[in-house]
Amino acid sequence: MTEMFDIVECVHDGATLTGRIARPRTAGPHAAVLMFPGATGPGPSFDHAVRELAALGYLAVSIDMYGRGADTSSPQAAGAHFADLMARPEVLRARVIAWFDTVRTIPGVDPARIGAIGYCFGGKCVLELARSGAAVACVSSFHGLLSTHAPAQPGEVTARIAVWSGGRDPYAPITEFDALRAELDAAGADYHATLFAQARHAFTDPDHDGIAEGIAYDLTAHRIAWSGTLALLDVTLTA
């Protein structure tokens, strides 16, 4: 059982960002996992994953990248905030780092045991965190956006990285998947990258199944990616 949800705030670039914390009932200090949702914000399946992580003993933090009062009532409204951050990649990366630094100071968190998971836009966020050289132990990107304004540099990436992509994802084409692998190889990063040949975008998210061309839930890809991510967290944060 877990207590849902405490609130944590992060102030960055004039915006007050509000995160939600799911705490385990066991005594800390706890390993923490930053959870970055897709561009439209957290939905039922995302919140289920946050609760599952807390039940497993992690302090899970649902991250807000847009700020207090941001309108996410429709995909179009949320998309305006998403587009604004995508147009300002330096701010996006700095905001992700600000969240990481904030989570490290939450009472009950072991600052040496922090991971991050991201979905779609959130997948880009966790990759930017790893690229920055922040002392995050691991990141896992589910059908994330893979391109970047500032590639990882040799010797700077300390996180273990997992990338789970769909071979039929129009938002993260195979050319970008291959480019990411080349980037991480050049940086000497410790990573694994899995391509589900027939999976489309948002393959872990039943809430968005079929809402647009190229978007579809895939139960097999979801279960494999989630199981692999839990193994990564276990090895890097609890072993």
C-alpha atoms as a PDB file:
ATOM      1  CA  MET A   1       0.000   0.000   0.000  1.00  0.00           C
ATOM      2  CA  THR A   2       1.137   3.533  -0.711  1.00  0.00           C
ATOM      3  CA  GLU A   3       0.071   7.047   0.156  1.00  0.00           C
ATOM      4  CA  MET A   4      -1.067   9.046  -2.901  1.00  0.00           C
ATOM      5  CA  PHE A   5      -0.050  11.785  -3.694  1.00  0.00           C
ATOM      6  CA  ASP A   6       2.198  14.317  -1.935  1.00  0.00           C
ATOM      7  CA  ILE A   7       3.147  17.496  -3.782  1.00  0.00           C
ATOM      8  CA  VAL A   8       6.596  18.803  -4.684  1.00  0.00           C
ATOM      9  CA  GLU A   9       7.296  22.079  -6.472  1.00  0.00           C
ATOM     10  CA  CYS A  10      10.150  23.035  -8.771  1.00  0.00           C
ATOM     11  CA  VAL A  11      10.649  26.616  -9.920  1.00  0.00           C
ATOM     12  CA  HIS A  12      12.402  27.056 -13.253  1.00  0.00           C
ATOM     13  CA  ASP A  13      12.640  29.870 -15.800  1.00  0.00           C
ATOM     14  CA  GLY A  14       9.761  31.770 -14.218  1.00  0.00           C
ATOM     15  CA  ALA A  15       7.439  28.742 -14.061  1.00  0.00           C
ATOM     16  CA  THR A  16       6.257  26.962 -10.915  1.00  0.00           C
ATOM     17  CA  LEU A  17       6.076  23.266 -11.736  1.00  0.00           C
ATOM     18  CA  THR A  18       4.027  20.909  -9.574  1.00  0.00           C
ATOM     19  CA  GLY A  19       5.003  17.260  -9.221  1.00  0.00           C
ATOM     20  CA  ARG A  20       3.150  14.486  -7.432  1.00  0.00           C
ATOM     21  CA  ILE A  21       4.940  12.060  -5.124  1.00  0.00           C
ATOM     22  CA  ALA A  22       3.954   8.464  -4.437  1.00  0.00           C
ATOM     23  CA  ARG A  23       5.791   7.287  -1.334  1.00  0.00           C
ATOM     24  CA  PRO A  24       6.309   3.704  -0.212  1.00  0.00           C
ATOM     25  CA  ARG A  25       5.136   2.877   3.285  1.00  0.00           C
ATOM     26  CA  THR A  26       8.493   1.321   4.149  1.00  0.00           C
ATOM     27  CA  ALA A  27      11.131   3.362   5.940  1.00  0.00           C
ATOM     28  CA  GLY A  28      13.612   5.321   3.823  1.00  0.00           C
ATOM     29  CA  PRO A  29      15.875   6.521   2.525  1.00  0.00           C
ATOM     30  CA  HIS A  30      14.392   5.403  -0.786  1.00  0.00           C
ATOM     31  CA  ALA A  31      15.600   5.124  -4.331  1.00  0.00           C
ATOM     32  CA  ALA A  32      13.599   7.598  -6.423  1.00  0.00           C
ATOM     33  CA  VAL A  33      12.233   7.431  -9.951  1.00  0.00           C
ATOM     34  CA  LEU A  34      11.289  10.542 -11.914  1.00  0.00           C
ATOM     35  CA  MET A  35       8.320   9.782 -14.168  1.00  0.00           C
ATOM     36  CA  PHE A  36       7.956  12.035 -17.238  1.00  0.00           C
ATOM     37  CA  PRO A  37       4.590  11.748 -19.044  1.00  0.00           C
ATOM     38  CA  GLY A  38       3.894  12.292 -22.714  1.00  0.00           C
ATOM     39  CA  ALA A  39       3.037  15.639 -24.260  1.00  0.00           C
ATOM     40  CA  THR A  40      -0.623  15.513 -23.170  1.00  0.00           C
ATOM     41  CA  GLY A  41       0.220  14.915 -19.518  1.00  0.00           C
ATOM     42  CA  PRO A  42      -0.375  11.996 -17.145  1.00  0.00           C
ATOM     43  CA  GLY A  43      -3.300   9.661 -17.792  1.00  0.00           C
ATOM     44  CA  PRO A  44      -4.701   6.590 -16.025  1.00  0.00           C
ATOM     45  CA  SER A  45      -2.085   4.126 -17.303  1.00  0.00           C
ATOM     46  CA  PHE A  46       0.727   6.518 -16.395  1.00  0.00           C
ATOM     47  CA  ASP A  47      -0.625   6.953 -12.853  1.00  0.00           C
ATOM     48  CA  HIS A  48      -0.942   3.179 -12.585  1.00  0.00           C
ATOM     49  CA  ALA A  49       2.771   2.851 -13.353  1.00  0.00           C
ATOM     50  CA  VAL A  50       3.600   5.483 -10.712  1.00  0.00           C
ATOM     51  CA  ARG A  51       1.590   3.546  -8.121  1.00  0.00           C
ATOM     52  CA  GLU A  52       3.250   0.278  -9.134  1.00  0.00           C
ATOM     53  CA  LEU A  53       6.712   1.730  -8.628  1.00  0.00           C
ATOM     54  CA  ALA A  54       5.754   3.028  -5.181  1.00  0.00           C
ATOM     55  CA  ALA A  55       4.362  -0.388  -4.271  1.00  0.00           C
ATOM     56  CA  LEU A  56       7.730  -1.875  -5.271  1.00  0.00           C
ATOM     57  CA  GLY A  57       9.513   0.423  -2.835  1.00  0.00           C
ATOM     58  CA  TYR A  58      10.554   3.347  -5.017  1.00  0.00           C
ATOM     59  CA  LEU A  59       9.638   6.943  -4.292  1.00  0.00           C
ATOM     60  CA  ALA A  60       8.003   7.828  -7.610  1.00  0.00           C
ATOM     61  CA  VAL A  61       7.569  11.422  -8.754  1.00  0.00           C
ATOM     62  CA  SER A  62       5.135  12.360 -11.538  1.00  0.00           C
ATOM     63  CA  ILE A  63       6.814  15.304 -13.271  1.00  0.00           C
ATOM     64  CA  ASP A  64       5.157  18.471 -14.573  1.00  0.00           C
ATOM     65  CA  MET A  65       7.104  20.114 -17.413  1.00  0.00           C
ATOM     66  CA  TYR A  66       4.610  22.889 -18.256  1.00  0.00           C
ATOM     67  CA  GLY A  67       3.856  24.734 -15.022  1.00  0.00           C
ATOM     68  CA  ARG A  68       1.003  25.522 -12.688  1.00  0.00           C
ATOM     69  CA  GLY A  69      -2.142  26.509 -14.549  1.00  0.00           C
ATOM     70  CA  ALA A  70      -1.032  25.153 -17.925  1.00  0.00           C
ATOM     71  CA  ASP A  71      -4.062  24.099 -19.963  1.00  0.00           C
ATOM     72  CA  THR A  72      -3.808  20.398 -20.819  1.00  0.00           C
ATOM     73  CA  SER A  73      -7.558  19.845 -21.151  1.00  0.00           C
ATOM     74  CA  SER A  74      -7.208  18.786 -24.795  1.00  0.00           C
ATOM     75  CA  PRO A  75      -4.401  17.467 -26.998  1.00  0.00           C
ATOM     76  CA  GLN A  76      -4.431  20.780 -28.848  1.00  0.00           C
ATOM     77  CA  ALA A  77      -4.051  22.830 -25.660  1.00  0.00           C
ATOM     78  CA  ALA A  78      -1.307  20.612 -24.279  1.00  0.00           C
ATOM     79  CA  GLY A  79       0.368  20.608 -27.668  1.00  0.00           C
ATOM     80  CA  ALA A  80       0.959  24.349 -27.477  1.00  0.00           C
ATOM     81  CA  HIS A  81       3.033  23.909 -24.300  1.00  0.00           C
ATOM     82  CA  PHE A  82       4.855  20.954 -25.827  1.00  0.00           C
ATOM     83  CA  ALA A  83       5.693  22.948 -28.969  1.00  0.00           C
ATOM     84  CA  ASP A  84       6.985  25.842 -26.879  1.00  0.00           C
ATOM     85  CA  LEU A  85       9.489  23.637 -25.039  1.00  0.00           C
ATOM     86  CA  MET A  86      10.512  21.793 -28.183  1.00  0.00           C
ATOM     87  CA  ALA A  87      11.314  25.185 -29.747  1.00  0.00           C
ATOM     88  CA  ARG A  88      13.537  25.989 -26.753  1.00  0.00           C
ATOM     89  CA  PRO A  89      15.667  22.844 -26.329  1.00  0.00           C
ATOM     90  CA  GLU A  90      18.151  24.507 -23.987  1.00  0.00           C
ATOM     91  CA  VAL A  91      15.299  25.409 -21.635  1.00  0.00           C
ATOM     92  CA  LEU A  92      13.857  21.906 -21.910  1.00  0.00           C
ATOM     93  CA  ARG A  93      17.137  20.291 -20.877  1.00  0.00           C
ATOM     94  CA  ALA A  94      17.697  22.802 -18.083  1.00  0.00           C
ATOM     95  CA  ARG A  95      14.170  22.148 -16.773  1.00  0.00           C
ATOM     96  CA  VAL A  96      14.763  18.407 -16.683  1.00  0.00           C
ATOM     97  CA  ILE A  97      17.981  18.978 -14.743  1.00  0.00           C
ATOM     98  CA  ALA A  98      16.168  21.336 -12.363  1.00  0.00           C
ATOM     99  CA  TRP A  99      13.655  18.587 -11.642  1.00  0.00           C
ATOM    100  CA  PHE A 100      16.446  16.075 -11.022  1.00  0.00           C
ATOM    101  CA  ASP A 101      18.113  18.458  -8.576  1.00  0.00           C
ATOM    102  CA  THR A 102      14.774  19.061  -6.841  1.00  0.00           C
ATOM    103  CA  VAL A 103      14.006  15.365  -6.408  1.00  0.00           C
ATOM    104  CA  ARG A 104      17.435  14.803  -4.883  1.00  0.00           C
ATOM    105  CA  THR A 105      16.420  17.100  -2.006  1.00  0.00           C
ATOM    106  CA  ILE A 106      13.044  15.475  -1.224  1.00  0.00           C
ATOM    107  CA  PRO A 107      13.045  14.133   2.357  1.00  0.00           C
ATOM    108  CA  GLY A 108      13.481  10.389   2.345  1.00  0.00           C
ATOM    109  CA  VAL A 109      15.281  10.225  -1.038  1.00  0.00           C
ATOM    110  CA  ASP A 110      18.734   8.700  -1.360  1.00  0.00           C
ATOM    111  CA  PRO A 111      20.370  11.178  -3.785  1.00  0.00           C
ATOM    112  CA  ALA A 112      22.777   8.517  -5.027  1.00  0.00           C
ATOM    113  CA  ARG A 113      19.923   6.229  -6.176  1.00  0.00           C
ATOM    114  CA  ILE A 114      17.771   8.069  -8.688  1.00  0.00           C
ATOM    115  CA  GLY A 115      16.424   6.863 -12.030  1.00  0.00           C
ATOM    116  CA  ALA A 116      14.079   8.322 -14.631  1.00  0.00           C
ATOM    117  CA  ILE A 117      11.413   6.908 -16.947  1.00  0.00           C
ATOM    118  CA  GLY A 118       9.773   8.820 -19.771  1.00  0.00           C
ATOM    119  CA  TYR A 119       7.014   8.292 -22.312  1.00  0.00           C
ATOM    120  CA  CYS A 120       6.997   9.939 -25.775  1.00  0.00           C
ATOM    121  CA  PHE A 121       7.925  13.581 -24.993  1.00  0.00           C
ATOM    122  CA  GLY A 122       8.942  12.316 -21.568  1.00  0.00           C
ATOM    123  CA  GLY A 123      11.219   9.810 -23.289  1.00  0.00           C
ATOM    124  CA  LYS A 124      13.038  12.736 -24.846  1.00  0.00           C
ATOM    125  CA  CYS A 125      13.247  14.380 -21.417  1.00  0.00           C
ATOM    126  CA  VAL A 126      15.005  11.421 -19.800  1.00  0.00           C
ATOM    127  CA  LEU A 127      17.431  11.128 -22.713  1.00  0.00           C
ATOM    128  CA  GLU A 128      18.245  14.825 -22.331  1.00  0.00           C
ATOM    129  CA  LEU A 129      18.881  14.194 -18.628  1.00  0.00           C
ATOM    130  CA  ALA A 130      21.331  11.412 -19.479  1.00  0.00           C
ATOM    131  CA  ARG A 131      22.989  13.483 -22.211  1.00  0.00           C
ATOM    132  CA  SER A 132      23.535  16.335 -19.750  1.00  0.00           C
ATOM    133  CA  GLY A 133      25.884  14.232 -17.654  1.00  0.00           C
ATOM    134  CA  ALA A 134      23.683  14.525 -14.551  1.00  0.00           C
ATOM    135  CA  ALA A 135      24.380  11.923 -11.882  1.00  0.00           C
ATOM    136  CA  VAL A 136      21.239   9.917 -12.638  1.00  0.00           C
ATOM    137  CA  ALA A 137      21.788   6.191 -12.229  1.00  0.00           C
ATOM    138  CA  CYS A 138      19.588   5.037 -15.099  1.00  0.00           C
ATOM    139  CA  VAL A 139      16.993   6.230 -17.594  1.00  0.00           C
ATOM    140  CA  SER A 140      14.424   4.352 -19.641  1.00  0.00           C
ATOM    141  CA  SER A 141      12.771   5.917 -22.691  1.00  0.00           C
ATOM    142  CA  PHE A 142       9.487   4.430 -23.934  1.00  0.00           C
ATOM    143  CA  HIS A 143       8.731   5.388 -27.564  1.00  0.00           C
ATOM    144  CA  GLY A 144      10.614   8.597 -26.915  1.00  0.00           C
ATOM    145  CA  LEU A 145      11.547  11.380 -29.298  1.00  0.00           C
ATOM    146  CA  LEU A 146      15.184  10.662 -30.050  1.00  0.00           C
ATOM    147  CA  SER A 147      16.781  13.689 -31.711  1.00  0.00           C
ATOM    148  CA  THR A 148      18.646  16.368 -29.766  1.00  0.00           C
ATOM    149  CA  HIS A 149      20.162  19.825 -30.125  1.00  0.00           C
ATOM    150  CA  ALA A 150      23.265  18.822 -28.131  1.00  0.00           C
ATOM    151  CA  PRO A 151      24.501  15.227 -28.561  1.00  0.00           C
ATOM    152  CA  ALA A 152      26.047  13.317 -25.699  1.00  0.00           C
ATOM    153  CA  GLN A 153      29.753  13.973 -25.321  1.00  0.00           C
ATOM    154  CA  PRO A 154      32.446  11.322 -24.793  1.00  0.00           C
ATOM    155  CA  GLY A 155      32.955  10.449 -21.152  1.00  0.00           C
ATOM    156  CA  GLU A 156      30.098  12.592 -19.843  1.00  0.00           C
ATOM    157  CA  VAL A 157      27.189  10.122 -19.733  1.00  0.00           C
ATOM    158  CA  THR A 158      27.106   8.276 -16.424  1.00  0.00           C
ATOM    159  CA  ALA A 159      23.583   6.839 -16.594  1.00  0.00           C
ATOM    160  CA  ARG A 160      22.735   3.382 -17.821  1.00  0.00           C
ATOM    161  CA  ILE A 161      20.308   3.970 -20.675  1.00  0.00           C
ATOM    162  CA  ALA A 162      17.448   1.855 -22.002  1.00  0.00           C
ATOM    163  CA  VAL A 163      15.664   2.851 -25.203  1.00  0.00           C
ATOM    164  CA  TRP A 164      12.486   1.085 -26.353  1.00  0.00           C
ATOM    165  CA  SER A 165      11.296   2.149 -29.808  1.00  0.00           C
ATOM    166  CA  GLY A 166       8.744   1.085 -32.398  1.00  0.00           C
ATOM    167  CA  GLY A 167       9.796   0.217 -35.904  1.00  0.00           C
ATOM    168  CA  ARG A 168       6.603   1.827 -37.249  1.00  0.00           C
ATOM    169  CA  ASP A 169       6.704   4.936 -35.085  1.00  0.00           C
ATOM    170  CA  PRO A 170       6.390   8.005 -37.352  1.00  0.00           C
ATOM    171  CA  TYR A 171       7.554  10.310 -34.536  1.00  0.00           C
ATOM    172  CA  ALA A 172      10.809   8.420 -33.933  1.00  0.00           C
ATOM    173  CA  PRO A 173      11.799   6.927 -37.297  1.00  0.00           C
ATOM    174  CA  ILE A 174      14.442   4.232 -37.607  1.00  0.00           C
ATOM    175  CA  THR A 175      16.904   6.781 -39.001  1.00  0.00           C
ATOM    176  CA  GLU A 176      16.735   8.618 -35.659  1.00  0.00           C
ATOM    177  CA  PHE A 177      16.969   5.337 -33.737  1.00  0.00           C
ATOM    178  CA  ASP A 178      20.154   4.510 -35.650  1.00  0.00           C
ATOM    179  CA  ALA A 179      21.478   8.044 -35.139  1.00  0.00           C
ATOM    180  CA  LEU A 180      20.921   7.759 -31.391  1.00  0.00           C
ATOM    181  CA  ARG A 181      22.833   4.494 -31.278  1.00  0.00           C
ATOM    182  CA  ALA A 182      25.720   6.100 -33.156  1.00  0.00           C
ATOM    183  CA  GLU A 183      25.628   9.082 -30.792  1.00  0.00           C
ATOM    184  CA  LEU A 184      25.714   6.906 -27.681  1.00  0.00           C
ATOM    185  CA  ASP A 185      28.440   4.692 -29.139  1.00  0.00           C
ATOM    186  CA  ALA A 186      30.575   7.773 -29.828  1.00  0.00           C
ATOM    187  CA  ALA A 187      29.963   8.989 -26.280  1.00  0.00           C
ATOM    188  CA  GLY A 188      30.969   5.632 -24.799  1.00  0.00           C
ATOM    189  CA  ALA A 189      27.634   5.321 -23.035  1.00  0.00           C
ATOM    190  CA  ASP A 190      26.361   2.158 -21.354  1.00  0.00           C
ATOM    191  CA  TYR A 191      23.069   1.556 -23.121  1.00  0.00           C
ATOM    192  CA  HIS A 192      20.777  -0.933 -24.759  1.00  0.00           C
ATOM    193  CA  ALA A 193      18.342  -0.069 -27.515  1.00  0.00           C
ATOM    194  CA  THR A 194      15.420  -2.317 -28.440  1.00  0.00           C
ATOM    195  CA  LEU A 195      13.373  -1.949 -31.613  1.00  0.00           C
ATOM    196  CA  PHE A 196       9.940  -3.597 -31.749  1.00  0.00           C
ATOM    197  CA  ALA A 197       9.636  -3.978 -35.517  1.00  0.00           C
ATOM    198  CA  GLN A 198       5.841  -3.722 -35.801  1.00  0.00           C
ATOM    199  CA  ALA A 199       5.141  -1.383 -32.882  1.00  0.00           C
ATOM    200  CA  ARG A 200       3.835   2.119 -33.442  1.00  0.00           C
ATOM    201  CA  HIS A 201       4.053   5.256 -31.319  1.00  0.00           C
ATOM    202  CA  ALA A 202       2.774   5.140 -27.712  1.00  0.00           C
ATOM    203  CA  PHE A 203       2.886   1.345 -27.691  1.00  0.00           C
ATOM    204  CA  THR A 204       2.880   1.254 -23.862  1.00  0.00           C
ATOM    205  CA  ASP A 205      -0.183   3.500 -23.502  1.00  0.00           C
ATOM    206  CA  PRO A 206      -3.663   1.963 -23.846  1.00  0.00           C
ATOM    207  CA  ASP A 207      -5.202   5.376 -23.068  1.00  0.00           C
ATOM    208  CA  HIS A 208      -4.074   6.694 -26.465  1.00  0.00           C
ATOM    209  CA  ASP A 209      -4.673   3.589 -28.555  1.00  0.00           C
ATOM    210  CA  GLY A 210      -5.632   4.604 -32.084  1.00  0.00           C
ATOM    211  CA  ILE A 211      -6.189   8.312 -31.384  1.00  0.00           C
ATOM    212  CA  ALA A 212      -4.177   9.291 -34.463  1.00  0.00           C
ATOM    213  CA  GLU A 213      -2.340   7.807 -37.418  1.00  0.00           C
ATOM    214  CA  GLY A 214       0.731   5.883 -36.326  1.00  0.00           C
ATOM    215  CA  ILE A 215      -0.364   5.549 -32.680  1.00  0.00           C
ATOM    216  CA  ALA A 216      -1.366   2.139 -31.283  1.00  0.00           C
ATOM    217  CA  TYR A 217      -1.094   0.161 -28.068  1.00  0.00           C
ATOM    218  CA  ASP A 218       0.959  -3.053 -28.242  1.00  0.00           C
ATOM    219  CA  LEU A 219       0.562  -5.363 -25.247  1.00  0.00           C
ATOM    220  CA  THR A 220       3.626  -7.496 -26.022  1.00  0.00           C
ATOM    221  CA  ALA A 221       5.949  -4.534 -26.524  1.00  0.00           C
ATOM    222  CA  HIS A 222       4.535  -2.881 -23.400  1.00  0.00           C
ATOM    223  CA  ARG A 223       5.135  -5.877 -21.172  1.00  0.00           C
ATOM    224  CA  ILE A 224       8.642  -6.518 -22.470  1.00  0.00           C
ATOM    225  CA  ALA A 225       9.665  -2.860 -22.139  1.00  0.00           C
ATOM    226  CA  TRP A 226       8.182  -2.528 -18.658  1.00  0.00           C
ATOM    227  CA  SER A 227       9.739  -5.782 -17.424  1.00  0.00           C
ATOM    228  CA  GLY A 228      13.109  -4.739 -18.799  1.00  0.00           C
ATOM    229  CA  THR A 229      12.819  -1.356 -17.128  1.00  0.00           C
ATOM    230  CA  LEU A 230      11.978  -2.907 -13.765  1.00  0.00           C
ATOM    231  CA  ALA A 231      15.062  -5.086 -14.127  1.00  0.00           C
ATOM    232  CA  LEU A 232      17.165  -2.015 -14.923  1.00  0.00           C
ATOM    233  CA  LEU A 233      15.853  -0.206 -11.845  1.00  0.00           C
ATOM    234  CA  ASP A 234      16.501  -3.250  -9.694  1.00  0.00           C
ATOM    235  CA  VAL A 235      20.090  -3.627 -10.876  1.00  0.00           C
ATOM    236  CA  THR A 236      21.015   0.058 -10.711  1.00  0.00           C
ATOM    237  CA  LEU A 237      19.013   1.319  -7.737  1.00  0.00           C
ATOM    238  CA  THR A 238      18.645  -1.600  -5.347  1.00  0.00           C
ATOM    239  CA  ALA A 239      21.419  -4.114  -6.084  1.00  0.00           C
END
